[in-house]
């Protein structure tokens, strides 16, 4: 696996607790809709499949937009690399808890989410796992600075497939904390709640960002 995807996975893992705070309650509450015919695990898998599917699709669109920028504007691949490094640096600082400066993205995304949120009611009650997929696709866009920041980072990949994979692996990274909270996996939840884990991932991201920034500036 390429380092950029490993980083995306780590962002999801380290930010899992933040994601739980934003949408873990929703995942937990939808399990009350589970019937013996559907089952809690099937409903949760379907919901998260829809959520990650949304991330992947919009990541591909973001990566493609980055490719268009680099091809038809003065924004070269080197400039995209520098922007990517800066965004990664900001993400590392954000995950480490050193700043909350990226929360403005949550307010920005809230306008979009308000428009699509009413469509989610069409799939209630969630009496089949299939209905939980589009439900997850919509609620995956609950305003979250971490999601939108990673999405902005995927733009700088300059490639639709890479952008899609960045958001896919980010989504995969959020799964352990999401499942732990929804299924009462206390040990896993406590593990991802540890400050030292987030700090380690934060330091890794900051060092990686500085390294890439130096490469971009010298390149």
Protein backbone atom coordinates (compact mmCIF):
# COMPACT_ATOMS: atom_id res chain seq x y z
CA UNK A 1 0.00 0.00 0.00
CA UNK A 2 1.32 3.44 -0.93
CA UNK A 3 2.24 5.80 1.94
CA UNK A 4 -0.51 8.25 0.99
CA UNK A 5 -3.17 5.57 1.60
CA UNK A 6 -1.54 4.47 4.86
CA UNK A 7 -1.70 8.09 5.99
CA UNK A 8 -5.38 8.30 5.01
CA UNK A 9 -6.05 5.12 7.01
CA UNK A 10 -4.24 6.55 10.03
CA UNK A 11 -6.23 9.79 9.78
CA UNK A 12 -9.41 7.73 9.97
CA UNK A 13 -8.10 5.64 12.86
CA UNK A 14 -6.88 8.62 14.88
CA UNK A 15 -9.98 10.64 14.11
CA UNK A 16 -12.29 7.72 14.87
CA UNK A 17 -13.17 9.09 18.29
CA UNK A 18 -14.09 12.43 16.73
CA UNK A 19 -16.23 10.61 14.14
CA UNK A 20 -17.94 8.66 16.91
CA UNK A 21 -18.80 11.91 18.62
CA UNK A 22 -20.34 13.23 15.42
CA UNK A 23 -22.16 10.22 13.98
CA UNK A 24 -21.58 7.28 16.33
CA UNK A 25 -24.79 8.16 18.12
CA UNK A 26 -26.66 7.91 14.84
CA UNK A 27 -25.17 4.50 14.10
CA UNK A 28 -26.10 3.36 17.60
CA UNK A 29 -29.65 4.69 17.40
CA UNK A 30 -30.37 3.11 14.04
CA UNK A 31 -29.65 -0.29 15.58
CA UNK A 32 -32.83 0.11 17.58
CA UNK A 33 -34.58 -0.24 14.22
CA UNK A 34 -33.07 -3.69 13.81
CA UNK A 35 -35.50 -6.58 13.73
CA UNK A 36 -34.76 -10.28 14.11
CA UNK A 37 -35.16 -10.51 10.33
CA UNK A 38 -32.46 -7.91 9.66
CA UNK A 39 -30.05 -8.13 12.59
CA UNK A 40 -27.88 -5.45 14.15
CA UNK A 41 -24.64 -6.47 12.42
CA UNK A 42 -26.22 -6.50 8.93
CA UNK A 43 -27.77 -3.09 9.52
CA UNK A 44 -24.51 -1.62 10.79
CA UNK A 45 -22.49 -3.07 7.90
CA UNK A 46 -24.99 -1.68 5.37
CA UNK A 47 -24.97 1.75 7.00
CA UNK A 48 -21.16 1.98 6.98
CA UNK A 49 -20.98 0.62 3.45
CA UNK A 50 -23.17 3.51 2.32
CA UNK A 51 -21.12 6.00 4.32
CA UNK A 52 -17.79 4.84 2.86
CA UNK A 53 -19.31 4.59 -0.63
CA UNK A 54 -20.16 8.30 -0.44
CA UNK A 55 -16.64 9.11 0.73
CA UNK A 56 -15.13 7.13 -2.15
CA UNK A 57 -17.31 8.66 -4.86
CA UNK A 58 -16.78 12.26 -3.76
CA UNK A 59 -13.07 11.54 -3.28
CA UNK A 60 -12.87 10.44 -6.91
CA UNK A 61 -14.60 13.65 -7.98
CA UNK A 62 -12.23 15.69 -5.83
CA UNK A 63 -9.17 13.94 -7.26
CA UNK A 64 -10.48 14.47 -10.79
CA UNK A 65 -10.98 18.18 -10.13
CA UNK A 66 -7.35 18.32 -8.99
CA UNK A 67 -6.29 16.68 -12.25
CA UNK A 68 -8.27 19.26 -14.25
CA UNK A 69 -6.63 22.08 -12.29
CA UNK A 70 -3.13 20.79 -12.95
CA UNK A 71 -3.85 20.26 -16.66
CA UNK A 72 -5.65 23.46 -17.57
CA UNK A 73 -4.30 26.01 -15.10
CA UNK A 74 -0.94 27.17 -13.80
CA UNK A 75 -1.34 24.87 -10.78
CA UNK A 76 1.33 22.27 -11.51
CA UNK A 77 1.85 18.92 -9.78
CA UNK A 78 4.61 20.52 -7.70
CA UNK A 79 2.20 23.18 -6.47
CA UNK A 80 -0.38 20.50 -5.68
CA UNK A 81 2.30 18.66 -3.70
CA UNK A 82 3.03 21.80 -1.67
CA UNK A 83 -0.68 22.42 -1.02
CA UNK A 84 -1.09 18.75 -0.09
CA UNK A 85 1.79 19.03 2.40
CA UNK A 86 0.26 22.11 4.03
CA UNK A 87 -3.16 20.45 4.32
CA UNK A 88 -1.55 17.31 5.77
CA UNK A 89 0.31 19.47 8.26
CA UNK A 90 -2.94 21.17 9.31
CA UNK A 91 -4.64 17.78 9.64
CA UNK A 92 -1.82 16.51 11.82
CA UNK A 93 -2.08 19.54 14.09
CA UNK A 94 -5.88 19.18 14.18
CA UNK A 95 -5.80 15.47 15.08
CA UNK A 96 -3.20 16.13 17.75
CA UNK A 97 -5.64 18.50 19.41
CA UNK A 98 -3.31 21.47 19.10
CA UNK A 99 -5.90 23.56 17.27
CA UNK A 100 -9.55 23.50 16.27
CA UNK A 101 -8.99 25.77 13.28
CA UNK A 102 -10.47 23.30 10.80
CA UNK A 103 -13.89 23.36 12.42
CA UNK A 104 -14.87 26.16 10.00
CA UNK A 105 -15.22 23.41 7.40
CA UNK A 106 -17.99 21.89 9.49
CA UNK A 107 -19.95 25.13 9.24
CA UNK A 108 -19.30 25.26 5.50
CA UNK A 109 -20.49 21.68 5.01
CA UNK A 110 -23.56 22.25 7.13
CA UNK A 111 -25.21 24.20 4.31
CA UNK A 112 -24.85 21.22 1.97
CA UNK A 113 -25.98 18.71 4.58
CA UNK A 114 -29.16 20.65 5.36
CA UNK A 115 -30.19 20.21 1.73
CA UNK A 116 -29.73 16.44 1.57
CA UNK A 117 -30.76 15.53 5.14
CA UNK A 118 -34.55 15.50 4.42
CA UNK A 119 -34.04 12.71 1.86
CA UNK A 120 -32.88 10.34 4.61
CA UNK A 121 -36.39 10.17 6.10
CA UNK A 122 -37.57 8.38 2.95
CA UNK A 123 -35.68 5.26 4.05
CA UNK A 124 -37.19 5.09 7.53
CA UNK A 125 -37.97 2.78 9.18
CA UNK A 126 -34.80 0.80 8.49
CA UNK A 127 -36.54 -2.56 8.36
CA UNK A 128 -34.16 -3.91 5.71
CA UNK A 129 -30.38 -3.74 5.40
CA UNK A 130 -30.71 -2.41 1.85
CA UNK A 131 -32.45 0.73 3.09
CA UNK A 132 -29.56 1.38 5.48
CA UNK A 133 -27.16 1.82 2.54
CA UNK A 134 -28.63 5.07 1.11
CA UNK A 135 -29.33 6.18 4.68
CA UNK A 136 -25.61 5.83 5.42
CA UNK A 137 -24.71 7.58 2.17
CA UNK A 138 -26.67 10.65 3.28
CA UNK A 139 -25.68 10.70 6.96
CA UNK A 140 -22.05 10.18 6.01
CA UNK A 141 -22.10 13.88 5.13
CA UNK A 142 -22.94 15.01 8.62
CA UNK A 143 -20.73 18.14 8.94
CA UNK A 144 -17.31 17.01 10.14
CA UNK A 145 -14.12 19.04 9.82
CA UNK A 146 -12.05 15.87 9.58
CA UNK A 147 -14.04 14.47 6.65
CA UNK A 148 -14.01 17.70 4.69
CA UNK A 149 -10.34 18.33 5.44
CA UNK A 150 -9.38 14.88 4.16
CA UNK A 151 -11.56 15.52 1.12
CA UNK A 152 -9.70 18.76 0.45
CA UNK A 153 -6.45 16.81 0.77
CA UNK A 154 -7.68 14.28 -1.82
CA UNK A 155 -8.06 17.12 -4.34
CA UNK A 156 -4.29 17.54 -4.28
CA UNK A 157 -3.77 13.91 -5.34
CA UNK A 158 -4.37 15.13 -8.89
CA UNK A 159 -5.98 11.83 -9.91
CA UNK A 160 -9.57 10.57 -9.68
CA UNK A 161 -8.59 7.03 -8.68
CA UNK A 162 -6.13 8.22 -6.05
CA UNK A 163 -8.65 10.68 -4.65
CA UNK A 164 -11.23 7.89 -4.38
CA UNK A 165 -8.78 5.58 -2.62
CA UNK A 166 -7.72 8.28 -0.16
CA UNK A 167 -11.32 8.74 0.99
CA UNK A 168 -11.96 4.98 0.91
CA UNK A 169 -9.07 4.21 3.25
CA UNK A 170 -10.02 7.14 5.46
CA UNK A 171 -13.50 5.65 5.77
CA UNK A 172 -12.06 2.22 6.54
CA UNK A 173 -9.95 3.79 9.26
CA UNK A 174 -13.06 5.08 11.04
CA UNK A 175 -14.71 1.63 11.17
CA UNK A 176 -13.12 0.23 14.38
CA UNK A 177 -14.29 3.14 16.54
CA UNK A 178 -17.70 3.20 14.85
CA UNK A 179 -18.31 -0.52 15.36
CA UNK A 180 -16.90 -0.44 18.87
CA UNK A 181 -19.30 2.29 19.93
CA UNK A 182 -22.32 0.84 18.15
CA UNK A 183 -21.73 -2.72 19.37
CA UNK A 184 -20.46 -1.71 22.83
CA UNK A 185 -16.89 -2.82 22.14
CA UNK A 186 -15.51 -1.08 25.20
CA UNK A 187 -11.90 -2.29 24.84
CA UNK A 188 -11.57 -1.03 21.24
CA UNK A 189 -13.35 2.19 22.09
CA UNK A 190 -10.98 2.87 25.01
CA UNK A 191 -7.99 2.06 22.80
CA UNK A 192 -8.93 4.67 20.22
CA UNK A 193 -9.75 7.15 22.96
CA UNK A 194 -6.15 7.17 24.18
CA UNK A 195 -4.51 10.55 23.73
CA UNK A 196 -1.09 9.00 23.14
CA UNK A 197 -2.37 7.17 20.05
CA UNK A 198 -3.69 10.35 18.51
CA UNK A 199 -0.49 12.18 19.42
CA UNK A 200 1.66 9.49 17.73
CA UNK A 201 -0.39 9.64 14.54
CA UNK A 202 -0.29 13.44 14.73
CA UNK A 203 3.52 13.48 14.96
CA UNK A 204 3.78 11.00 12.06
CA UNK A 205 1.56 13.21 9.89
CA UNK A 206 3.41 16.41 10.81
CA UNK A 207 6.82 14.86 10.03
CA UNK A 208 5.49 13.42 6.75
CA UNK A 209 4.01 16.80 5.81
CA UNK A 210 7.25 18.66 6.50
CA UNK A 211 9.22 16.08 4.50
CA UNK A 212 6.85 16.36 1.52
CA UNK A 213 6.91 20.14 1.77
CA UNK A 214 10.70 20.20 1.60
CA UNK A 215 10.62 17.85 -1.40
CA UNK A 216 8.04 20.07 -3.10
CA UNK A 217 9.99 23.26 -2.47
CA UNK A 218 13.29 21.75 -3.63
CA UNK A 219 11.75 19.92 -6.58
